[in-house]
N, C-alpha and C. Protein backbone atom coordinates (compact mmCIF):
# COMPACT_ATOMS: atom_id res chain seq x y z
N MET A 1 65.03 -170.73 83.37
CA MET A 1 65.75 -169.30 83.23
C MET A 1 66.22 -168.67 84.38
N VAL A 2 67.38 -168.48 84.58
CA VAL A 2 67.92 -167.71 85.86
C VAL A 2 67.79 -166.34 85.75
N GLU A 3 66.96 -165.51 86.71
CA GLU A 3 66.84 -164.19 86.76
C GLU A 3 68.16 -163.70 87.63
N ILE A 4 68.73 -162.56 87.06
CA ILE A 4 69.86 -161.96 87.94
C ILE A 4 69.41 -160.53 88.41
N GLY A 5 69.31 -160.28 89.56
CA GLY A 5 69.07 -158.99 89.97
C GLY A 5 69.88 -157.95 89.72
N LYS A 6 69.62 -156.67 90.04
CA LYS A 6 70.52 -155.59 89.95
C LYS A 6 71.35 -155.59 91.07
N PRO A 7 72.66 -155.28 90.83
CA PRO A 7 73.61 -155.30 91.88
C PRO A 7 73.21 -154.33 92.88
N GLU A 8 73.34 -154.37 94.19
CA GLU A 8 73.23 -153.47 95.27
C GLU A 8 74.42 -152.44 95.07
N LEU A 9 73.96 -151.26 94.90
CA LEU A 9 74.96 -150.10 95.02
C LEU A 9 75.07 -149.53 96.36
N PRO A 10 76.25 -148.99 96.96
CA PRO A 10 76.40 -148.80 98.15
C PRO A 10 75.70 -147.27 98.33
N LYS A 11 75.15 -146.98 99.35
CA LYS A 11 74.33 -145.65 99.76
C LYS A 11 75.45 -144.81 100.34
N LEU A 12 75.79 -143.73 99.57
CA LEU A 12 76.74 -142.84 100.30
C LEU A 12 76.37 -141.45 100.54
N GLY A 13 76.62 -141.08 101.77
CA GLY A 13 76.24 -139.82 101.98
C GLY A 13 77.04 -138.57 101.26
N PHE A 14 76.77 -137.51 101.68
CA PHE A 14 77.55 -136.36 100.98
C PHE A 14 78.96 -136.41 101.34
N ALA A 15 79.28 -136.60 102.46
CA ALA A 15 80.83 -136.58 102.89
C ALA A 15 81.65 -137.82 102.37
N GLU A 16 80.95 -139.00 102.39
CA GLU A 16 81.55 -140.16 101.72
C GLU A 16 81.74 -140.07 100.32
N GLY A 17 80.63 -139.51 99.58
CA GLY A 17 80.93 -139.38 98.28
C GLY A 17 81.86 -138.33 97.72
N THR A 18 81.93 -137.28 98.74
CA THR A 18 82.99 -136.17 98.31
C THR A 18 84.47 -136.74 98.58
N GLY A 19 84.44 -137.48 99.74
CA GLY A 19 85.71 -138.24 99.78
C GLY A 19 86.14 -139.21 98.87
N MET A 20 85.33 -140.05 98.37
CA MET A 20 85.46 -140.95 97.42
C MET A 20 86.04 -140.10 95.97
N PHE A 21 85.42 -139.04 95.78
CA PHE A 21 85.52 -138.48 94.53
C PHE A 21 86.95 -137.86 94.66
N ILE A 22 87.17 -137.05 95.90
CA ILE A 22 88.64 -136.58 95.81
C ILE A 22 89.73 -137.74 95.85
N ARG A 23 89.38 -138.83 96.55
CA ARG A 23 90.42 -139.95 96.36
C ARG A 23 90.66 -140.42 94.96
N LEU A 24 89.44 -140.53 94.40
CA LEU A 24 89.73 -141.06 92.76
C LEU A 24 90.45 -139.88 92.08
N SER A 25 89.98 -138.63 91.94
CA SER A 25 90.37 -137.65 91.24
C SER A 25 91.86 -137.05 91.32
N VAL A 26 92.06 -137.14 92.77
CA VAL A 26 93.45 -136.43 93.16
C VAL A 26 94.64 -137.55 93.19
N PHE A 27 94.25 -138.46 93.88
CA PHE A 27 95.29 -139.62 94.13
C PHE A 27 95.58 -140.42 92.96
N GLY A 28 94.63 -140.66 91.95
CA GLY A 28 94.86 -141.10 90.85
C GLY A 28 95.93 -140.62 89.82
N PRO A 29 95.80 -139.41 89.71
CA PRO A 29 96.95 -138.67 88.83
C PRO A 29 98.32 -138.59 89.89
N LEU A 30 98.23 -138.41 91.14
CA LEU A 30 99.36 -138.62 91.81
C LEU A 30 100.14 -139.77 91.67
N LEU A 31 99.45 -140.79 91.82
CA LEU A 31 99.99 -142.15 91.50
C LEU A 31 100.83 -142.31 90.13
N GLY A 32 99.90 -141.92 89.11
CA GLY A 32 100.45 -141.70 87.71
C GLY A 32 101.75 -140.97 87.51
N LEU A 33 101.62 -139.84 88.30
CA LEU A 33 102.99 -139.12 88.13
C LEU A 33 104.21 -139.63 88.76
N ALA A 34 103.80 -140.36 89.91
CA ALA A 34 104.95 -141.26 90.64
C ALA A 34 105.46 -142.28 89.70
N PHE A 35 104.51 -142.90 88.99
CA PHE A 35 105.13 -144.05 88.02
C PHE A 35 106.06 -143.38 86.91
N ALA A 36 105.41 -142.43 86.40
CA ALA A 36 106.08 -141.55 85.39
C ALA A 36 107.52 -141.14 85.76
N VAL A 37 107.66 -140.48 86.79
CA VAL A 37 108.93 -140.12 87.22
C VAL A 37 109.90 -141.33 87.45
N ALA A 38 109.41 -142.26 88.02
CA ALA A 38 110.20 -143.66 88.21
C ALA A 38 110.63 -144.16 86.98
N MET A 39 109.57 -144.18 85.89
CA MET A 39 110.00 -144.78 84.53
C MET A 39 111.07 -143.89 83.88
N THR A 40 110.93 -142.29 83.90
CA THR A 40 112.01 -141.75 83.27
C THR A 40 113.24 -141.82 83.92
N LYS A 41 113.33 -142.30 85.06
CA LYS A 41 114.53 -142.46 86.00
C LYS A 41 115.14 -143.67 85.39
N TRP A 42 114.31 -144.80 85.37
CA TRP A 42 114.81 -145.95 84.86
C TRP A 42 115.14 -146.02 83.35
N LEU A 43 114.64 -145.16 82.70
CA LEU A 43 114.92 -144.84 81.19
C LEU A 43 116.32 -144.52 81.02
N THR A 44 116.83 -143.75 81.84
CA THR A 44 118.25 -143.23 81.76
C THR A 44 119.35 -144.42 81.96
N TYR A 45 118.83 -145.35 82.74
CA TYR A 45 119.81 -146.54 83.08
C TYR A 45 119.61 -147.58 81.77
N ILE A 46 118.73 -147.69 81.10
CA ILE A 46 118.79 -148.61 79.88
C ILE A 46 118.81 -148.06 78.66
N HIS A 47 119.35 -146.90 78.52
CA HIS A 47 119.59 -145.97 77.41
C HIS A 47 120.00 -146.80 76.27
N ALA A 48 119.36 -146.49 74.97
CA ALA A 48 119.89 -147.50 73.81
C ALA A 48 119.84 -148.81 73.74
N LYS A 49 118.86 -149.10 74.38
CA LYS A 49 118.35 -150.51 74.44
C LYS A 49 116.92 -150.61 74.16
N PRO A 50 116.83 -150.90 72.70
CA PRO A 50 115.37 -150.60 72.13
C PRO A 50 114.21 -151.56 72.78
N VAL A 51 114.67 -152.84 72.84
CA VAL A 51 113.70 -153.90 73.68
C VAL A 51 113.42 -153.51 75.01
N LEU A 52 114.52 -153.35 75.75
CA LEU A 52 114.00 -152.96 77.13
C LEU A 52 113.44 -151.74 77.27
N GLU A 53 113.69 -150.63 76.44
CA GLU A 53 112.97 -149.50 76.63
C GLU A 53 111.44 -149.64 76.32
N THR A 54 111.04 -150.44 75.21
CA THR A 54 109.68 -150.78 74.64
C THR A 54 109.14 -151.57 75.86
N ASN A 55 109.77 -152.49 76.29
CA ASN A 55 109.09 -153.45 77.45
C ASN A 55 108.79 -152.69 78.52
N LEU A 56 109.74 -151.58 78.98
CA LEU A 56 109.30 -150.88 80.17
C LEU A 56 108.24 -149.83 79.97
N THR A 57 108.10 -149.38 78.93
CA THR A 57 106.82 -148.33 78.75
C THR A 57 105.62 -149.20 78.69
N ILE A 58 105.54 -150.42 78.03
CA ILE A 58 104.44 -151.35 78.29
C ILE A 58 104.11 -151.80 79.68
N CYS A 59 105.13 -152.27 80.35
CA CYS A 59 105.11 -152.84 81.74
C CYS A 59 104.45 -152.00 82.56
N THR A 60 105.21 -150.56 82.64
CA THR A 60 104.93 -149.55 83.49
C THR A 60 103.53 -149.12 83.40
N ALA A 61 103.08 -149.13 82.06
CA ALA A 61 101.50 -148.61 81.86
C ALA A 61 100.62 -149.71 82.49
N TYR A 62 100.79 -150.99 82.43
CA TYR A 62 99.88 -151.98 82.97
C TYR A 62 100.07 -152.00 84.44
N ILE A 63 101.27 -151.87 84.99
CA ILE A 63 101.61 -152.06 86.40
C ILE A 63 100.90 -150.82 87.11
N CYS A 64 101.11 -149.52 86.41
CA CYS A 64 100.34 -148.37 86.92
C CYS A 64 98.78 -148.46 87.05
N PHE A 65 98.37 -148.94 86.12
CA PHE A 65 96.79 -149.27 86.17
C PHE A 65 96.36 -150.17 86.92
N PHE A 66 96.87 -151.31 87.08
CA PHE A 66 96.48 -152.41 88.09
C PHE A 66 96.97 -152.01 89.48
N THR A 67 97.93 -151.34 89.62
CA THR A 67 98.24 -150.73 91.16
C THR A 67 97.23 -149.91 91.53
N ALA A 68 96.69 -148.87 90.54
CA ALA A 68 95.65 -147.96 90.89
C ALA A 68 94.32 -148.60 91.19
N GLU A 69 94.03 -149.56 90.39
CA GLU A 69 92.69 -150.18 90.57
C GLU A 69 92.67 -151.28 91.57
N HIS A 70 93.71 -151.65 92.05
CA HIS A 70 94.01 -152.59 93.21
C HIS A 70 92.88 -152.29 94.39
N PRO A 71 92.23 -153.17 94.96
CA PRO A 71 91.20 -152.92 96.03
C PRO A 71 91.97 -152.10 97.30
N SER A 72 93.09 -152.39 97.58
CA SER A 72 93.84 -151.69 98.84
C SER A 72 94.19 -150.21 98.41
N VAL A 73 94.52 -149.87 97.16
CA VAL A 73 94.74 -148.63 96.65
C VAL A 73 93.43 -147.90 96.30
N HIS A 74 92.66 -148.48 95.22
CA HIS A 74 91.47 -147.87 94.95
C HIS A 74 91.44 -146.46 94.48
N VAL A 75 92.33 -146.13 93.41
CA VAL A 75 92.16 -144.81 92.98
C VAL A 75 91.82 -144.96 91.41
N SER A 76 91.68 -143.86 90.70
CA SER A 76 91.24 -143.94 89.35
C SER A 76 92.65 -144.37 88.60
N GLY A 77 92.45 -145.45 87.88
CA GLY A 77 93.51 -145.97 87.17
C GLY A 77 93.62 -145.33 85.82
N ILE A 78 92.33 -144.98 85.38
CA ILE A 78 92.29 -144.30 84.01
C ILE A 78 93.12 -142.83 84.16
N LEU A 79 92.68 -142.06 85.21
CA LEU A 79 93.34 -140.85 85.60
C LEU A 79 94.92 -141.15 85.83
N ALA A 80 95.26 -142.26 86.44
CA ALA A 80 96.79 -142.40 86.67
C ALA A 80 97.32 -142.75 85.33
N LEU A 81 96.70 -143.20 84.42
CA LEU A 81 97.51 -143.83 83.09
C LEU A 81 97.46 -142.66 82.27
N VAL A 82 96.53 -141.70 82.17
CA VAL A 82 96.52 -140.49 81.48
C VAL A 82 97.47 -139.57 81.93
N THR A 83 97.69 -139.44 83.16
CA THR A 83 98.83 -138.58 83.68
C THR A 83 100.31 -139.33 83.50
N LEU A 84 100.40 -140.54 83.30
CA LEU A 84 101.62 -141.14 83.07
C LEU A 84 101.86 -140.90 81.49
N GLY A 85 100.80 -140.86 80.70
CA GLY A 85 100.97 -140.73 79.26
C GLY A 85 101.34 -139.35 78.95
N LEU A 86 100.81 -138.22 79.50
CA LEU A 86 100.89 -136.94 79.52
C LEU A 86 102.44 -136.50 79.96
N TYR A 87 102.73 -137.05 81.01
CA TYR A 87 104.17 -136.75 81.34
C TYR A 87 105.24 -137.28 80.47
N MET A 88 105.02 -138.46 79.97
CA MET A 88 105.89 -139.19 78.90
C MET A 88 105.94 -138.16 77.83
N ALA A 89 104.78 -137.78 77.39
CA ALA A 89 104.72 -137.01 76.14
C ALA A 89 105.46 -135.76 76.40
N ARG A 90 105.49 -135.14 77.52
CA ARG A 90 106.00 -133.85 77.64
C ARG A 90 107.58 -133.98 78.23
N GLN A 91 107.74 -134.59 79.19
CA GLN A 91 109.10 -134.73 79.89
C GLN A 91 109.95 -136.27 79.40
N GLY A 92 109.04 -137.18 79.21
CA GLY A 92 109.79 -138.42 79.03
C GLY A 92 110.50 -138.71 77.75
N LYS A 93 110.02 -137.98 76.71
CA LYS A 93 110.56 -138.08 75.33
C LYS A 93 112.05 -137.99 75.26
N THR A 94 112.34 -137.00 76.05
CA THR A 94 113.87 -136.77 76.05
C THR A 94 114.80 -137.83 76.62
N ARG A 95 114.15 -138.77 77.30
CA ARG A 95 114.85 -139.94 77.99
C ARG A 95 114.91 -141.13 77.11
N ILE A 96 114.07 -141.22 76.15
CA ILE A 96 114.13 -142.15 75.03
C ILE A 96 115.02 -142.09 73.97
N SER A 97 116.07 -143.10 73.79
CA SER A 97 116.90 -142.99 72.69
C SER A 97 116.40 -142.87 71.33
N SER A 98 117.38 -142.27 70.41
CA SER A 98 116.80 -142.38 69.13
C SER A 98 116.91 -143.71 68.39
N GLU A 99 117.59 -144.73 69.08
CA GLU A 99 117.45 -146.07 68.54
C GLU A 99 116.14 -146.73 68.65
N SER A 100 115.56 -146.31 69.95
CA SER A 100 114.22 -147.00 70.35
C SER A 100 113.04 -146.09 69.84
N GLU A 101 113.15 -145.01 69.16
CA GLU A 101 111.93 -144.45 68.67
C GLU A 101 111.19 -145.17 67.72
N HIS A 102 111.75 -145.75 66.80
CA HIS A 102 110.87 -146.49 65.86
C HIS A 102 110.24 -147.73 66.36
N SER A 103 110.75 -148.34 67.35
CA SER A 103 110.11 -149.47 67.87
C SER A 103 109.17 -149.14 68.81
N LEU A 104 109.01 -147.97 69.45
CA LEU A 104 108.10 -147.64 70.36
C LEU A 104 107.07 -146.81 69.60
N HIS A 105 107.33 -146.17 68.35
CA HIS A 105 106.17 -145.66 67.59
C HIS A 105 105.26 -146.89 67.08
N SER A 106 105.99 -148.05 66.75
CA SER A 106 105.31 -149.03 66.08
C SER A 106 104.40 -149.63 67.28
N VAL A 107 104.88 -149.60 68.43
CA VAL A 107 104.22 -150.16 69.54
C VAL A 107 102.94 -149.40 70.06
N TRP A 108 103.21 -148.10 70.13
CA TRP A 108 102.12 -147.16 70.69
C TRP A 108 101.37 -146.59 69.63
């Protein structure tokens, strides 16, 4: 039987912990907002194409999360994705064509 030890967690001081908290909680939503604004702009170009609009919403959500969680970016992917969803629920609905609403509702 192989015994696996506990992973070593980095010891952070107050300043490092505060900096990490601010980076994760502030820049994650800002990244999500940037993706949301870009997606609403892109939705205006592919208006009335249900397959493309559905694929764009799925791909943008995944790309936003994986970009945020990438080690070189390292911000909160969950907060970025929540911000993207809240923005789309409030502002982005007007960019989605009526032809695409049914397919989007069945996907999401």
